[in-house]
Amino acid sequence: MGNARSLSQERPPTGELPLGFFACPNPDCEAFNRFGGDNLSVAEHMGKEKAIRRLYCRCCKTRFSERQGSLLEYSKLPLPAVVRIVKCLGHGCSMEATADICEVDARTVQRIVDRGGTRAEDFHRLSLERLQEPLEAVQMDELHGRVAEKDGEKRGRLRGVAGWVARGVMSPWK
């Protein structure tokens, strides 16, 4: 493998993300979660190689790391390693396989999965809150579910999709 590089030789992508990709994380700020505003500036650089920016919000006078709330928060992994872990998981690799491929501990992969799941749940909740139309107008393209265990035993009285239809949460499809 002549051109194969190890994780330690990889460098993060050049250039920093523009400030428009960030928003103030302070819930008491009038610019809270507002991306693309002109309220943020770079206050200082921090970290071992001064590669992490500390941002400053002009509205509420709060300082915060650009990594706050991301998968990289409190992480010592380089960005390419985290990207590789997420790609492996996205392609369906197991946690053990991902840990082996990315040369990290399986607990590290589990931490990234936990953090990513929390972020995805928060994003989903915020997306639902911002919907213009009522939830009844939302349609599902696909529905996958399992009503019974693989051996044929039912897990409970009304489980999965059948339970949704029976309780009136979802109308039966044709």
N, C-alpha and C. Protein backbone atom coordinates (compact mmCIF):
# COMPACT_ATOMS: atom_id res chain seq x y z
N MET A 1 0.84 -1.18 0.00
CA MET A 1 0.00 0.00 0.00
C MET A 1 0.88 1.24 0.00
N GLY A 2 1.30 1.64 -1.16
CA GLY A 2 2.24 2.73 -1.27
C GLY A 2 1.68 4.08 -0.86
N ASN A 3 0.44 4.37 -1.21
CA ASN A 3 -0.13 5.69 -0.93
C ASN A 3 -0.99 5.72 0.33
N ALA A 4 -1.11 4.60 1.03
CA ALA A 4 -1.97 4.56 2.22
C ALA A 4 -1.33 5.41 3.32
N ARG A 5 -2.14 6.27 3.92
CA ARG A 5 -1.66 7.12 5.01
C ARG A 5 -2.32 6.69 6.30
N SER A 6 -1.60 6.73 7.39
CA SER A 6 -2.19 6.41 8.69
C SER A 6 -2.94 7.63 9.20
N LEU A 7 -3.73 7.43 10.26
CA LEU A 7 -4.51 8.53 10.82
C LEU A 7 -3.62 9.67 11.30
N SER A 8 -2.44 9.33 11.81
CA SER A 8 -1.58 10.37 12.36
C SER A 8 -1.00 11.26 11.26
N GLN A 9 -0.94 10.76 10.00
CA GLN A 9 -0.39 11.57 8.92
C GLN A 9 -1.44 12.44 8.25
N GLU A 10 -2.73 12.14 8.47
CA GLU A 10 -3.78 12.92 7.83
C GLU A 10 -3.90 14.28 8.51
N ARG A 11 -4.23 15.27 7.72
CA ARG A 11 -4.41 16.62 8.26
C ARG A 11 -5.85 17.03 8.07
N PRO A 12 -6.37 17.84 8.98
CA PRO A 12 -7.74 18.33 8.80
C PRO A 12 -7.83 19.18 7.55
N PRO A 13 -9.03 19.31 6.99
CA PRO A 13 -9.18 20.12 5.79
C PRO A 13 -8.69 21.54 6.04
N THR A 14 -8.07 22.10 5.01
CA THR A 14 -7.56 23.46 5.17
C THR A 14 -8.71 24.45 5.19
N GLY A 15 -8.50 25.54 5.87
CA GLY A 15 -9.53 26.58 5.96
C GLY A 15 -10.50 26.29 7.09
N GLU A 16 -10.94 27.32 7.72
CA GLU A 16 -11.90 27.18 8.81
C GLU A 16 -13.29 27.44 8.28
N LEU A 17 -14.28 26.90 8.96
CA LEU A 17 -15.66 27.16 8.56
C LEU A 17 -15.98 28.64 8.74
N PRO A 18 -16.73 29.21 7.83
CA PRO A 18 -17.11 30.62 8.00
C PRO A 18 -17.98 30.79 9.25
N LEU A 19 -17.96 31.98 9.82
CA LEU A 19 -18.73 32.24 11.04
C LEU A 19 -20.23 32.09 10.82
N GLY A 20 -20.69 32.15 9.59
CA GLY A 20 -22.11 31.97 9.30
C GLY A 20 -22.61 30.56 9.60
N PHE A 21 -21.68 29.61 9.77
CA PHE A 21 -22.06 28.24 10.11
C PHE A 21 -22.33 28.08 11.60
N PHE A 22 -22.09 29.12 12.39
CA PHE A 22 -22.24 29.03 13.83
C PHE A 22 -23.35 29.95 14.32
N ALA A 23 -23.87 29.64 15.50
CA ALA A 23 -24.90 30.46 16.14
C ALA A 23 -24.61 30.50 17.63
N CYS A 24 -25.10 31.49 18.30
CA CYS A 24 -24.90 31.62 19.74
C CYS A 24 -25.65 30.49 20.46
N PRO A 25 -24.96 29.75 21.34
CA PRO A 25 -25.61 28.65 22.05
C PRO A 25 -26.33 29.07 23.33
N ASN A 26 -26.28 30.36 23.67
CA ASN A 26 -26.90 30.85 24.90
C ASN A 26 -28.41 31.00 24.70
N PRO A 27 -29.25 30.21 25.39
CA PRO A 27 -30.69 30.30 25.19
C PRO A 27 -31.29 31.65 25.60
N ASP A 28 -30.58 32.42 26.43
CA ASP A 28 -31.08 33.73 26.85
C ASP A 28 -30.74 34.84 25.86
N CYS A 29 -29.96 34.53 24.84
CA CYS A 29 -29.52 35.53 23.87
C CYS A 29 -30.59 35.74 22.81
N GLU A 30 -30.72 36.99 22.34
CA GLU A 30 -31.70 37.27 21.29
C GLU A 30 -31.28 36.67 19.95
N ALA A 31 -29.98 36.32 19.80
CA ALA A 31 -29.48 35.71 18.56
C ALA A 31 -29.30 34.20 18.73
N PHE A 32 -29.95 33.61 19.71
CA PHE A 32 -29.83 32.17 19.98
C PHE A 32 -30.26 31.35 18.76
N ASN A 33 -29.40 30.42 18.35
CA ASN A 33 -29.66 29.52 17.22
C ASN A 33 -29.95 30.24 15.91
N ARG A 34 -29.49 31.47 15.76
CA ARG A 34 -29.68 32.21 14.52
C ARG A 34 -28.36 32.16 13.75
N PHE A 35 -28.35 31.39 12.67
CA PHE A 35 -27.14 31.21 11.88
C PHE A 35 -27.02 32.32 10.84
N GLY A 36 -25.78 32.63 10.48
CA GLY A 36 -25.55 33.60 9.42
C GLY A 36 -25.64 35.05 9.87
N GLY A 37 -25.78 35.29 11.15
CA GLY A 37 -25.86 36.66 11.65
C GLY A 37 -24.48 37.28 11.74
N ASP A 38 -24.44 38.58 12.01
CA ASP A 38 -23.16 39.27 12.14
C ASP A 38 -22.81 39.50 13.61
N ASN A 39 -23.40 38.71 14.50
CA ASN A 39 -23.17 38.90 15.93
C ASN A 39 -21.93 38.16 16.44
N LEU A 40 -21.32 37.29 15.64
CA LEU A 40 -20.18 36.50 16.10
C LEU A 40 -18.86 37.02 15.55
N SER A 41 -17.84 36.91 16.38
CA SER A 41 -16.48 37.23 15.95
C SER A 41 -15.53 36.27 16.64
N VAL A 42 -14.31 36.17 16.14
CA VAL A 42 -13.31 35.29 16.74
C VAL A 42 -12.61 36.06 17.86
N ALA A 43 -12.70 35.53 19.08
CA ALA A 43 -12.08 36.19 20.23
C ALA A 43 -10.63 35.74 20.40
N GLU A 44 -10.39 34.45 20.21
CA GLU A 44 -9.03 33.92 20.37
C GLU A 44 -8.97 32.53 19.77
N HIS A 45 -7.75 32.01 19.67
CA HIS A 45 -7.53 30.64 19.24
C HIS A 45 -7.01 29.86 20.43
N MET A 46 -7.44 28.61 20.55
CA MET A 46 -7.04 27.81 21.72
C MET A 46 -6.74 26.39 21.28
N GLY A 47 -6.31 25.58 22.21
CA GLY A 47 -5.95 24.20 21.92
C GLY A 47 -4.46 24.06 21.77
N LYS A 48 -4.04 22.81 21.62
CA LYS A 48 -2.62 22.50 21.56
C LYS A 48 -1.91 23.22 20.42
N GLU A 49 -2.54 23.23 19.26
CA GLU A 49 -1.93 23.88 18.10
C GLU A 49 -2.66 25.16 17.72
N LYS A 50 -3.44 25.70 18.66
CA LYS A 50 -4.22 26.93 18.43
C LYS A 50 -5.13 26.78 17.20
N ALA A 51 -5.68 25.59 17.02
CA ALA A 51 -6.51 25.31 15.85
C ALA A 51 -8.00 25.48 16.14
N ILE A 52 -8.37 25.65 17.40
CA ILE A 52 -9.78 25.78 17.77
C ILE A 52 -10.06 27.25 18.08
N ARG A 53 -11.10 27.77 17.47
CA ARG A 53 -11.45 29.18 17.69
C ARG A 53 -12.44 29.31 18.85
N ARG A 54 -12.23 30.33 19.67
CA ARG A 54 -13.21 30.71 20.68
C ARG A 54 -13.96 31.89 20.10
N LEU A 55 -15.28 31.73 20.00
CA LEU A 55 -16.12 32.75 19.37
C LEU A 55 -16.76 33.64 20.42
N TYR A 56 -17.09 34.85 20.02
CA TYR A 56 -17.66 35.85 20.92
C TYR A 56 -18.96 36.36 20.31
N CYS A 57 -20.03 36.35 21.10
CA CYS A 57 -21.32 36.87 20.65
C CYS A 57 -21.45 38.32 21.13
N ARG A 58 -21.66 39.24 20.21
CA ARG A 58 -21.79 40.66 20.55
C ARG A 58 -23.10 40.97 21.26
N CYS A 59 -24.12 40.14 21.04
CA CYS A 59 -25.43 40.40 21.64
C CYS A 59 -25.43 40.13 23.15
N CYS A 60 -24.95 38.95 23.55
CA CYS A 60 -25.02 38.58 24.97
C CYS A 60 -23.65 38.55 25.64
N LYS A 61 -22.61 38.89 24.89
CA LYS A 61 -21.24 38.96 25.42
C LYS A 61 -20.74 37.60 25.92
N THR A 62 -21.19 36.51 25.30
CA THR A 62 -20.79 35.16 25.68
C THR A 62 -19.66 34.69 24.79
N ARG A 63 -18.72 33.95 25.37
CA ARG A 63 -17.65 33.31 24.61
C ARG A 63 -17.89 31.81 24.63
N PHE A 64 -17.65 31.16 23.49
CA PHE A 64 -17.85 29.71 23.41
C PHE A 64 -16.94 29.13 22.33
N SER A 65 -16.63 27.86 22.47
CA SER A 65 -15.79 27.16 21.51
C SER A 65 -16.58 26.85 20.25
N GLU A 66 -15.90 26.88 19.10
CA GLU A 66 -16.57 26.52 17.86
C GLU A 66 -16.94 25.04 17.84
N ARG A 67 -16.35 24.26 18.73
CA ARG A 67 -16.66 22.84 18.82
C ARG A 67 -17.84 22.55 19.75
N GLN A 68 -18.32 23.55 20.47
CA GLN A 68 -19.39 23.34 21.44
C GLN A 68 -20.63 22.77 20.75
N GLY A 69 -21.13 21.67 21.29
CA GLY A 69 -22.33 21.04 20.75
C GLY A 69 -22.08 20.15 19.55
N SER A 70 -20.83 20.00 19.13
CA SER A 70 -20.53 19.16 17.97
C SER A 70 -19.95 17.82 18.42
N LEU A 71 -19.72 16.93 17.48
CA LEU A 71 -19.11 15.64 17.80
C LEU A 71 -17.67 15.80 18.27
N LEU A 72 -17.06 16.91 17.99
CA LEU A 72 -15.67 17.14 18.37
C LEU A 72 -15.51 17.76 19.76
N GLU A 73 -16.61 18.12 20.40
CA GLU A 73 -16.52 18.73 21.73
C GLU A 73 -15.90 17.75 22.72
N TYR A 74 -14.91 18.19 23.45
CA TYR A 74 -14.18 17.39 24.44
C TYR A 74 -13.50 16.17 23.81
N SER A 75 -13.24 16.20 22.53
CA SER A 75 -12.62 15.07 21.85
C SER A 75 -11.18 15.41 21.51
N LYS A 76 -10.31 14.43 21.65
CA LYS A 76 -8.92 14.62 21.27
C LYS A 76 -8.63 13.99 19.91
N LEU A 77 -9.66 13.40 19.31
CA LEU A 77 -9.49 12.81 17.99
C LEU A 77 -9.37 13.90 16.93
N PRO A 78 -8.54 13.68 15.93
CA PRO A 78 -8.49 14.65 14.84
C PRO A 78 -9.76 14.56 14.00
N LEU A 79 -10.07 15.64 13.32
CA LEU A 79 -11.28 15.71 12.50
C LEU A 79 -11.37 14.57 11.48
N PRO A 80 -10.28 14.22 10.76
CA PRO A 80 -10.40 13.13 9.79
C PRO A 80 -10.78 11.79 10.43
N ALA A 81 -10.34 11.55 11.66
CA ALA A 81 -10.70 10.30 12.34
C ALA A 81 -12.19 10.27 12.64
N VAL A 82 -12.74 11.38 13.10
CA VAL A 82 -14.17 11.44 13.41
C VAL A 82 -14.99 11.30 12.12
N VAL A 83 -14.53 11.94 11.05
CA VAL A 83 -15.23 11.82 9.77
C VAL A 83 -15.21 10.38 9.29
N ARG A 84 -14.07 9.70 9.43
CA ARG A 84 -13.97 8.30 9.01
C ARG A 84 -14.90 7.42 9.84
N ILE A 85 -14.98 7.66 11.14
CA ILE A 85 -15.87 6.87 12.01
C ILE A 85 -17.32 7.06 11.58
N VAL A 86 -17.72 8.29 11.34
CA VAL A 86 -19.11 8.56 10.93
C VAL A 86 -19.40 7.93 9.58
N LYS A 87 -18.45 7.99 8.65
CA LYS A 87 -18.65 7.37 7.33
C LYS A 87 -18.80 5.86 7.46
N CYS A 88 -17.95 5.23 8.26
CA CYS A 88 -18.06 3.77 8.45
C CYS A 88 -19.43 3.40 9.02
N LEU A 89 -19.87 4.13 10.03
CA LEU A 89 -21.18 3.85 10.61
C LEU A 89 -22.29 4.11 9.60
N GLY A 90 -22.14 5.15 8.80
CA GLY A 90 -23.14 5.47 7.78
C GLY A 90 -23.25 4.41 6.70
N HIS A 91 -22.16 3.71 6.46
CA HIS A 91 -22.17 2.64 5.45
C HIS A 91 -22.59 1.30 6.05
N GLY A 92 -22.96 1.30 7.31
CA GLY A 92 -23.51 0.10 7.92
C GLY A 92 -22.52 -0.79 8.64
N CYS A 93 -21.30 -0.31 8.86
CA CYS A 93 -20.32 -1.12 9.60
C CYS A 93 -20.75 -1.20 11.07
N SER A 94 -20.45 -2.32 11.69
CA SER A 94 -20.74 -2.46 13.12
C SER A 94 -19.78 -1.59 13.91
N MET A 95 -20.06 -1.44 15.19
CA MET A 95 -19.18 -0.62 16.03
C MET A 95 -17.80 -1.25 16.14
N GLU A 96 -17.76 -2.57 16.26
CA GLU A 96 -16.46 -3.25 16.36
C GLU A 96 -15.67 -3.10 15.07
N ALA A 97 -16.35 -3.26 13.93
CA ALA A 97 -15.67 -3.11 12.64
C ALA A 97 -15.19 -1.68 12.45
N THR A 98 -16.01 -0.72 12.82
CA THR A 98 -15.63 0.69 12.71
C THR A 98 -14.41 0.98 13.58
N ALA A 99 -14.42 0.46 14.80
CA ALA A 99 -13.27 0.67 15.69
C ALA A 99 -12.00 0.07 15.10
N ASP A 100 -12.12 -1.10 14.49
CA ASP A 100 -10.97 -1.77 13.89
C ASP A 100 -10.47 -1.00 12.67
N ILE A 101 -11.38 -0.58 11.80
CA ILE A 101 -11.00 0.15 10.58
C ILE A 101 -10.35 1.48 10.93
N CYS A 102 -10.90 2.18 11.91
CA CYS A 102 -10.43 3.53 12.26
C CYS A 102 -9.33 3.52 13.30
N GLU A 103 -8.97 2.33 13.76
CA GLU A 103 -7.89 2.17 14.75
C GLU A 103 -8.15 2.96 16.03
N VAL A 104 -9.38 2.85 16.53
CA VAL A 104 -9.74 3.46 17.81
C VAL A 104 -10.41 2.40 18.67
N ASP A 105 -10.62 2.71 19.93
CA ASP A 105 -11.30 1.80 20.83
C ASP A 105 -12.80 1.78 20.53
N ALA A 106 -13.44 0.64 20.77
CA ALA A 106 -14.89 0.52 20.52
C ALA A 106 -15.68 1.49 21.39
N ARG A 107 -15.16 1.81 22.59
CA ARG A 107 -15.86 2.76 23.46
C ARG A 107 -15.85 4.17 22.87
N THR A 108 -14.81 4.49 22.11
CA THR A 108 -14.75 5.79 21.43
C THR A 108 -15.85 5.87 20.37
N VAL A 109 -16.02 4.79 19.61
CA VAL A 109 -17.08 4.75 18.60
C VAL A 109 -18.44 4.88 19.29
N GLN A 110 -18.61 4.20 20.42
CA GLN A 110 -19.88 4.27 21.15
C GLN A 110 -20.16 5.69 21.62
N ARG A 111 -19.13 6.40 22.10
CA ARG A 111 -19.31 7.79 22.54
C ARG A 111 -19.75 8.68 21.37
N ILE A 112 -19.15 8.47 20.21
CA ILE A 112 -19.53 9.28 19.04
C ILE A 112 -20.95 8.96 18.62
N VAL A 113 -21.35 7.69 18.69
CA VAL A 113 -22.73 7.30 18.36
C VAL A 113 -23.70 7.96 19.34
N ASP A 114 -23.37 7.93 20.62
CA ASP A 114 -24.25 8.54 21.63
C ASP A 114 -24.40 10.04 21.40
N ARG A 115 -23.27 10.72 21.16
CA ARG A 115 -23.32 12.16 20.91
C ARG A 115 -24.07 12.48 19.63
N GLY A 116 -23.80 11.71 18.59
CA GLY A 116 -24.47 11.93 17.31
C GLY A 116 -25.97 11.68 17.41
N GLY A 117 -26.36 10.67 18.19
CA GLY A 117 -27.78 10.39 18.37
C GLY A 117 -28.49 11.52 19.09
N THR A 118 -27.85 12.06 20.10
CA THR A 118 -28.42 13.19 20.84
C THR A 118 -28.58 14.40 19.92
N ARG A 119 -27.54 14.67 19.11
CA ARG A 119 -27.60 15.79 18.17
C ARG A 119 -28.70 15.58 17.14
N ALA A 120 -28.82 14.35 16.63
CA ALA A 120 -29.86 14.07 15.63
C ALA A 120 -31.25 14.22 16.23
N GLU A 121 -31.41 13.78 17.47
CA GLU A 121 -32.71 13.91 18.14
C GLU A 121 -33.07 15.38 18.34
N ASP A 122 -32.09 16.18 18.76
CA ASP A 122 -32.32 17.62 18.94
C ASP A 122 -32.69 18.28 17.61
N PHE A 123 -31.96 17.92 16.55
CA PHE A 123 -32.25 18.48 15.23
C PHE A 123 -33.65 18.10 14.77
N HIS A 124 -34.02 16.84 14.99
CA HIS A 124 -35.35 16.37 14.59
C HIS A 124 -36.44 17.13 15.34
N ARG A 125 -36.25 17.31 16.65
CA ARG A 125 -37.24 18.03 17.46
C ARG A 125 -37.37 19.48 16.99
N LEU A 126 -36.23 20.14 16.73
CA LEU A 126 -36.28 21.52 16.25
C LEU A 126 -36.94 21.61 14.87
N SER A 127 -36.68 20.63 14.02
CA SER A 127 -37.31 20.62 12.69
C SER A 127 -38.81 20.48 12.80
N LEU A 128 -39.28 19.65 13.73
CA LEU A 128 -40.72 19.49 13.91
C LEU A 128 -41.35 20.76 14.46
N GLU A 129 -40.63 21.47 15.34
CA GLU A 129 -41.16 22.71 15.90
C GLU A 129 -41.29 23.80 14.84
N ARG A 130 -40.45 23.75 13.82
CA ARG A 130 -40.44 24.79 12.79
C ARG A 130 -41.33 24.47 11.59
N LEU A 131 -42.07 23.38 11.64
CA LEU A 131 -42.93 23.01 10.52
C LEU A 131 -43.99 24.08 10.28
N GLN A 132 -44.22 24.38 9.02
CA GLN A 132 -45.23 25.36 8.65
C GLN A 132 -46.63 24.75 8.65
N GLU A 133 -46.71 23.46 8.30
CA GLU A 133 -48.00 22.78 8.21
C GLU A 133 -48.19 21.88 9.42
N PRO A 134 -49.42 21.53 9.74
CA PRO A 134 -49.65 20.63 10.87
C PRO A 134 -49.08 19.24 10.58
N LEU A 135 -48.83 18.48 11.65
CA LEU A 135 -48.24 17.16 11.49
C LEU A 135 -49.11 16.21 10.67
N GLU A 136 -50.41 16.44 10.62
CA GLU A 136 -51.29 15.57 9.84
C GLU A 136 -50.96 15.65 8.35
N ALA A 137 -50.33 16.75 7.92
CA ALA A 137 -50.01 16.91 6.51
C ALA A 137 -48.74 16.15 6.11
N VAL A 138 -47.99 15.68 7.09
CA VAL A 138 -46.75 14.96 6.81
C VAL A 138 -47.09 13.53 6.42
N GLN A 139 -46.48 13.05 5.35
CA GLN A 139 -46.70 11.68 4.90
C GLN A 139 -45.39 10.93 4.94
N MET A 140 -45.47 9.65 5.23
CA MET A 140 -44.29 8.81 5.23
C MET A 140 -44.14 8.15 3.87
N ASP A 141 -42.94 8.17 3.32
CA ASP A 141 -42.69 7.48 2.06
C ASP A 141 -42.57 5.98 2.29
N GLU A 142 -41.87 5.61 3.35
CA GLU A 142 -41.68 4.20 3.65
C GLU A 142 -41.94 3.98 5.12
N LEU A 143 -42.35 2.79 5.43
CA LEU A 143 -42.59 2.44 6.82
C LEU A 143 -42.05 1.05 7.05
N HIS A 144 -41.08 0.94 7.91
CA HIS A 144 -40.50 -0.35 8.23
C HIS A 144 -40.75 -0.62 9.70
N GLY A 145 -41.16 -1.81 10.01
CA GLY A 145 -41.39 -2.14 11.41
C GLY A 145 -41.51 -3.63 11.58
N ARG A 146 -41.35 -4.08 12.80
CA ARG A 146 -41.48 -5.50 13.10
C ARG A 146 -42.50 -5.62 14.21
N VAL A 147 -43.55 -6.38 13.95
CA VAL A 147 -44.60 -6.55 14.93
C VAL A 147 -44.28 -7.71 15.85
N ALA A 148 -43.56 -8.70 15.37
CA ALA A 148 -43.24 -9.88 16.17
C ALA A 148 -41.74 -10.13 16.13
N GLU A 149 -41.28 -10.89 17.10
CA GLU A 149 -39.88 -11.29 17.11
C GLU A 149 -39.62 -12.22 15.94
N LYS A 150 -38.36 -12.49 15.65
CA LYS A 150 -38.01 -13.33 14.52
C LYS A 150 -38.54 -14.75 14.66
N ASP A 151 -38.61 -15.26 15.88
CA ASP A 151 -39.07 -16.64 16.06
C ASP A 151 -40.59 -16.74 16.02
N GLY A 152 -41.27 -15.64 15.80
CA GLY A 152 -42.72 -15.67 15.65
C GLY A 152 -43.49 -15.28 16.89
N GLU A 153 -42.83 -15.20 18.04
CA GLU A 153 -43.53 -14.82 19.27
C GLU A 153 -43.80 -13.33 19.28
N LYS A 154 -44.99 -12.97 19.69
CA LYS A 154 -45.30 -11.55 19.81
C LYS A 154 -44.65 -11.00 21.08
N ARG A 155 -44.16 -9.77 21.01
CA ARG A 155 -43.50 -9.15 22.15
C ARG A 155 -44.47 -8.53 23.11
N GLY A 156 -45.63 -8.21 22.68
CA GLY A 156 -46.59 -7.56 23.55
C GLY A 156 -47.92 -7.48 22.86
N ARG A 157 -48.88 -6.87 23.52
CA ARG A 157 -50.22 -6.86 22.98
C ARG A 157 -50.30 -6.11 21.66
N LEU A 158 -50.07 -4.89 21.61
CA LEU A 158 -50.10 -4.14 20.36
C LEU A 158 -48.76 -3.42 20.21
N ARG A 159 -47.88 -3.99 19.44
CA ARG A 159 -46.55 -3.44 19.29
C ARG A 159 -46.35 -2.93 17.87
N GLY A 160 -45.42 -2.04 17.72
CA GLY A 160 -44.99 -1.58 16.41
C GLY A 160 -46.09 -0.90 15.62
N VAL A 161 -46.09 -1.13 14.34
CA VAL A 161 -47.01 -0.48 13.41
C VAL A 161 -48.45 -0.86 13.71
N ALA A 162 -48.68 -2.14 14.03
CA ALA A 162 -50.05 -2.58 14.32
C ALA A 162 -50.61 -1.82 15.51
N GLY A 163 -49.79 -1.54 16.50
CA GLY A 163 -50.24 -0.77 17.66
C GLY A 163 -50.59 0.65 17.29
N TRP A 164 -49.84 1.25 16.38
CA TRP A 164 -50.14 2.62 15.95
C TRP A 164 -51.48 2.68 15.24
N VAL A 165 -51.71 1.71 14.36
CA VAL A 165 -52.96 1.69 13.60
C VAL A 165 -54.13 1.43 14.53
N ALA A 166 -53.98 0.46 15.45
CA ALA A 166 -55.07 0.09 16.36
C ALA A 166 -55.43 1.24 17.29
N ARG A 167 -54.45 2.03 17.72
CA ARG A 167 -54.72 3.13 18.65
C ARG A 167 -55.18 4.39 17.94
N GLY A 168 -55.18 4.39 16.63
CA GLY A 168 -55.63 5.56 15.89
C GLY A 168 -54.56 6.61 15.69
N VAL A 169 -53.31 6.30 16.06
CA VAL A 169 -52.22 7.25 15.86
C VAL A 169 -51.93 7.37 14.37
N MET A 170 -52.10 6.27 13.66
CA MET A 170 -51.80 6.24 12.24
C MET A 170 -52.95 5.55 11.52
N SER A 171 -53.34 6.07 10.38
CA SER A 171 -54.44 5.42 9.65
C SER A 171 -53.89 4.26 8.83
N PRO A 172 -54.68 3.21 8.64
CA PRO A 172 -54.21 2.07 7.85
C PRO A 172 -53.92 2.49 6.42
N TRP A 173 -52.91 1.91 5.83
CA TRP A 173 -52.55 2.24 4.47
C TRP A 173 -53.10 1.18 3.52
N LYS A 174 -53.13 1.52 2.25
CA LYS A 174 -53.68 0.58 1.26
C LYS A 174 -52.60 0.07 0.37
